[in-house]
Amino acid sequence: RKCDVVNRGFSGYNTRWAKLILPRLITKSTGAESTVAVTIFFGANDSALKDLNPKQHVPLEEYAGNLKSMIQYLKSVDITEDRIILITPPPLHEPTWEKECLAKGDKLNRHNATTGEYAQACVQAATDCGTDVIDLWTLMQKNEDFSSYLSDGLHLSTQGNSFLAAQLWARLEKKLSAFPSLLPYWRDVDHTDPAASLL
């Protein structure tokens, strides 16, 4: 009851493409001044191996530059650094993802160590730009068997999404606590005359 959540997921996209479409998604006229937080969650596709997946691969330095470019764009529409949260790619469970690749007639087209380099670049971009960051790659691997966080070795499972949501909520809760409720708690609605409470 405090704000709207706008989710924009682009399956298979990388930062090279996301940087180009970001101005279509967020503008000053979309209420940037009342935006609580913007998350940027890329890197799993950027870190695909160039020789095996050239369509999605983005070189490491360009990836970092693209993240910084997106942050600069958000700042240009009055979304300040303290409201931007970068999220690193999650770890890659190579044995499970390799099975997925082989089933499609492909070779393993990503490596967890490479994804880790992109995660480090994401953390560094956040540090350089003064934004918050959730280092999902590191946090998920604190659990020795992180495969349960991934549905197919690459994409988040229900458990992985819950893990990320908990990490994100820990940061958003502080930002939202100061905001007033726009609508009453359900127990405070007059059930005999809901319009009196809701309109």
Protein backbone atom coordinates (compact mmCIF):
# COMPACT_ATOMS: atom_id res chain seq x y z
CA ARG A 1 0.00 0.00 0.00
CA LYS A 2 3.01 2.33 -0.15
CA CYS A 3 4.15 2.14 -3.78
CA ASP A 4 3.83 0.38 -7.11
CA VAL A 5 6.34 -2.22 -8.23
CA VAL A 6 7.24 -2.04 -11.90
CA ASN A 7 9.06 -5.13 -13.16
CA ARG A 8 10.80 -5.18 -16.51
CA GLY A 9 12.45 -8.49 -17.34
CA PHE A 10 14.09 -9.06 -20.73
CA SER A 11 14.92 -12.71 -21.25
CA GLY A 12 18.30 -13.21 -22.89
CA TYR A 13 19.25 -9.52 -22.94
CA ASN A 14 22.67 -8.16 -22.03
CA THR A 15 23.82 -4.71 -20.87
CA ARG A 16 24.63 -3.62 -24.44
CA TRP A 17 20.94 -3.92 -25.33
CA ALA A 18 19.57 -2.82 -21.94
CA LYS A 19 21.54 0.43 -22.08
CA LEU A 20 19.79 1.28 -25.34
CA ILE A 21 16.24 0.61 -24.13
CA LEU A 22 16.53 2.09 -20.61
CA PRO A 23 15.40 5.59 -21.74
CA ARG A 24 12.18 4.02 -23.04
CA LEU A 25 11.51 2.45 -19.63
CA ILE A 26 12.32 5.27 -17.24
CA THR A 27 11.96 8.98 -17.98
CA LYS A 28 11.45 12.13 -15.93
CA SER A 29 7.78 11.98 -16.88
CA THR A 30 7.41 8.51 -15.32
CA GLY A 31 7.75 10.05 -11.87
CA ALA A 32 11.47 9.62 -11.30
CA GLU A 33 11.35 12.01 -8.33
CA SER A 34 9.00 9.64 -6.48
CA THR A 35 10.98 6.50 -7.36
CA VAL A 36 12.11 4.67 -4.22
CA ALA A 37 14.60 2.34 -5.89
CA VAL A 38 15.76 1.01 -9.25
CA THR A 39 17.51 -2.34 -9.52
CA ILE A 40 19.82 -3.27 -12.39
CA PHE A 41 20.38 -7.02 -12.68
CA PHE A 42 22.57 -8.07 -15.62
CA GLY A 43 25.68 -10.12 -16.24
CA ALA A 44 24.67 -13.76 -16.70
CA ASN A 45 24.29 -13.23 -20.45
CA ASP A 46 27.13 -10.72 -20.81
CA SER A 47 29.50 -13.31 -19.33
CA ALA A 48 28.66 -15.99 -21.89
CA LEU A 49 31.83 -17.22 -23.62
CA LYS A 50 32.56 -15.18 -26.75
CA ASP A 51 33.56 -18.10 -29.00
CA LEU A 52 30.53 -20.22 -28.05
CA ASN A 53 27.87 -17.53 -27.57
CA PRO A 54 28.91 -14.37 -29.46
CA LYS A 55 25.36 -13.02 -29.68
CA GLN A 56 24.96 -12.51 -25.92
CA HIS A 57 28.61 -12.04 -24.91
CA VAL A 58 29.74 -8.54 -23.92
CA PRO A 59 33.44 -7.97 -23.08
CA LEU A 60 34.13 -7.40 -19.39
CA GLU A 61 35.23 -3.76 -19.69
CA GLU A 62 32.24 -2.91 -21.88
CA TYR A 63 29.92 -4.61 -19.36
CA ALA A 64 31.27 -2.41 -16.55
CA GLY A 65 31.00 0.65 -18.78
CA ASN A 66 27.40 -0.20 -19.70
CA LEU A 67 26.43 -0.45 -16.02
CA LYS A 68 28.02 2.94 -15.36
CA SER A 69 26.25 4.36 -18.41
CA MET A 70 22.88 3.15 -17.08
CA ILE A 71 23.63 4.70 -13.69
CA GLN A 72 24.55 7.99 -15.37
CA TYR A 73 21.32 7.93 -17.36
CA LEU A 74 19.26 7.33 -14.21
CA LYS A 75 21.03 10.26 -12.53
CA SER A 76 20.17 12.42 -15.56
CA VAL A 77 16.47 11.80 -14.90
CA ASP A 78 16.87 12.65 -11.20
CA ILE A 79 17.23 9.16 -9.74
CA THR A 80 20.13 9.59 -7.33
CA GLU A 81 22.84 7.01 -6.57
CA ASP A 82 21.34 6.17 -3.18
CA ARG A 83 18.24 4.85 -4.96
CA ILE A 84 20.09 2.58 -7.41
CA ILE A 85 20.89 -1.04 -6.55
CA LEU A 86 23.09 -3.14 -8.80
CA ILE A 87 22.73 -6.92 -8.60
CA THR A 88 25.57 -9.16 -9.75
CA PRO A 89 24.85 -12.26 -11.79
CA PRO A 90 24.28 -15.35 -9.66
CA PRO A 91 26.84 -18.15 -9.71
CA LEU A 92 26.68 -20.70 -12.51
CA HIS A 93 26.31 -24.38 -11.61
CA GLU A 94 28.32 -25.77 -14.50
CA PRO A 95 27.35 -29.48 -14.34
CA THR A 96 23.62 -28.68 -14.47
CA TRP A 97 23.94 -25.98 -17.15
CA GLU A 98 26.17 -28.25 -19.25
CA LYS A 99 23.36 -30.85 -19.33
CA GLU A 100 21.00 -28.14 -20.61
CA CYS A 101 23.49 -27.12 -23.30
CA LEU A 102 24.16 -30.71 -24.40
CA ALA A 103 20.41 -31.39 -24.63
CA LYS A 104 20.24 -28.57 -27.21
CA GLY A 105 23.27 -29.87 -29.09
CA ASP A 106 25.55 -27.15 -27.71
CA LYS A 107 28.75 -27.12 -25.66
CA LEU A 108 28.98 -25.56 -22.21
CA ASN A 109 28.86 -21.84 -23.11
CA ARG A 110 29.53 -20.27 -19.71
CA HIS A 111 31.95 -20.79 -16.79
CA ASN A 112 31.35 -19.88 -13.16
CA ALA A 113 34.84 -18.36 -12.82
CA THR A 114 34.09 -16.05 -15.76
CA THR A 115 30.73 -15.10 -14.27
CA GLY A 116 32.63 -14.30 -11.06
CA GLU A 117 34.79 -11.80 -12.97
CA TYR A 118 31.63 -10.05 -14.17
CA ALA A 119 30.23 -10.10 -10.63
CA GLN A 120 33.44 -8.41 -9.39
CA ALA A 121 33.14 -5.81 -12.17
CA CYS A 122 29.56 -5.12 -11.11
CA VAL A 123 30.63 -4.64 -7.49
CA GLN A 124 33.42 -2.31 -8.65
CA ALA A 125 31.02 -0.29 -10.84
CA ALA A 126 28.74 0.16 -7.82
CA THR A 127 31.69 1.28 -5.70
CA ASP A 128 32.88 3.69 -8.39
CA CYS A 129 29.43 5.21 -8.84
CA GLY A 130 28.35 5.24 -5.19
CA THR A 131 25.38 2.89 -5.56
CA ASP A 132 24.33 -0.06 -3.45
CA VAL A 133 25.07 -3.58 -4.70
CA ILE A 134 23.89 -7.10 -3.95
CA ASP A 135 26.75 -9.49 -4.68
CA LEU A 136 24.57 -12.47 -5.46
CA TRP A 137 27.47 -14.45 -6.93
CA THR A 138 29.36 -14.37 -3.62
CA LEU A 139 26.36 -14.57 -1.27
CA MET A 140 24.87 -17.67 -2.91
CA GLN A 141 28.19 -19.53 -2.84
CA LYS A 142 28.46 -19.14 0.93
CA ASN A 143 26.15 -22.15 0.86
CA GLU A 144 28.51 -24.86 -0.41
CA ASP A 145 25.80 -26.46 -2.56
CA PHE A 146 24.23 -23.48 -4.28
CA SER A 147 22.60 -25.57 -7.03
CA SER A 148 19.20 -25.37 -5.30
CA TYR A 149 19.18 -21.62 -6.02
CA LEU A 150 19.18 -22.37 -9.78
CA SER A 151 16.49 -24.13 -11.79
CA ASP A 152 18.78 -25.24 -14.62
CA GLY A 153 22.25 -24.21 -13.48
CA LEU A 154 21.82 -20.65 -14.83
CA HIS A 155 18.37 -19.23 -14.05
CA LEU A 156 17.08 -18.67 -10.52
CA SER A 157 14.80 -21.29 -9.01
CA THR A 158 11.95 -20.51 -6.61
CA GLN A 159 14.47 -20.83 -3.76
CA GLY A 160 16.94 -18.58 -5.59
CA ASN A 161 14.29 -15.93 -6.19
CA SER A 162 13.33 -16.08 -2.51
CA PHE A 163 16.99 -15.67 -1.55
CA LEU A 164 17.35 -12.62 -3.79
CA ALA A 165 14.04 -11.17 -2.54
CA ALA A 166 15.28 -11.42 1.07
CA GLN A 167 18.53 -9.64 0.16
CA LEU A 168 16.65 -6.94 -1.73
CA TRP A 169 14.01 -6.44 0.96
CA ALA A 170 16.71 -5.85 3.57
CA ARG A 171 17.71 -2.78 1.52
CA LEU A 172 14.25 -1.65 0.46
CA GLU A 173 12.66 -1.91 3.89
CA LYS A 174 14.76 1.00 5.19
CA LYS A 175 13.86 3.15 2.17
CA LEU A 176 10.15 2.38 2.46
CA SER A 177 9.78 2.73 6.23
CA ALA A 178 9.56 6.53 5.99
CA PHE A 179 6.85 6.45 3.32
CA PRO A 180 3.22 6.88 4.37
CA SER A 181 0.66 4.25 3.48
CA LEU A 182 -1.52 5.40 0.58
CA LEU A 183 -4.32 3.07 1.61
CA PRO A 184 -5.42 1.84 5.04
CA TYR A 185 -4.51 -1.51 6.58
CA TRP A 186 -7.31 -3.98 5.89
CA ARG A 187 -8.42 -4.10 9.55
CA ASP A 188 -8.92 -0.32 9.41
CA VAL A 189 -11.33 -0.46 6.48
CA ASP A 190 -14.96 0.15 7.52
CA HIS A 191 -16.54 -3.04 6.16
CA THR A 192 -20.04 -1.57 6.44
CA ASP A 193 -19.02 1.40 4.28
CA PRO A 194 -15.73 0.63 2.45
CA ALA A 195 -16.00 3.76 0.31
CA ALA A 196 -15.66 5.90 3.45
CA SER A 197 -12.24 4.34 4.07
CA LEU A 198 -11.00 3.84 0.52
CA LEU A 199 -12.22 6.83 -1.52
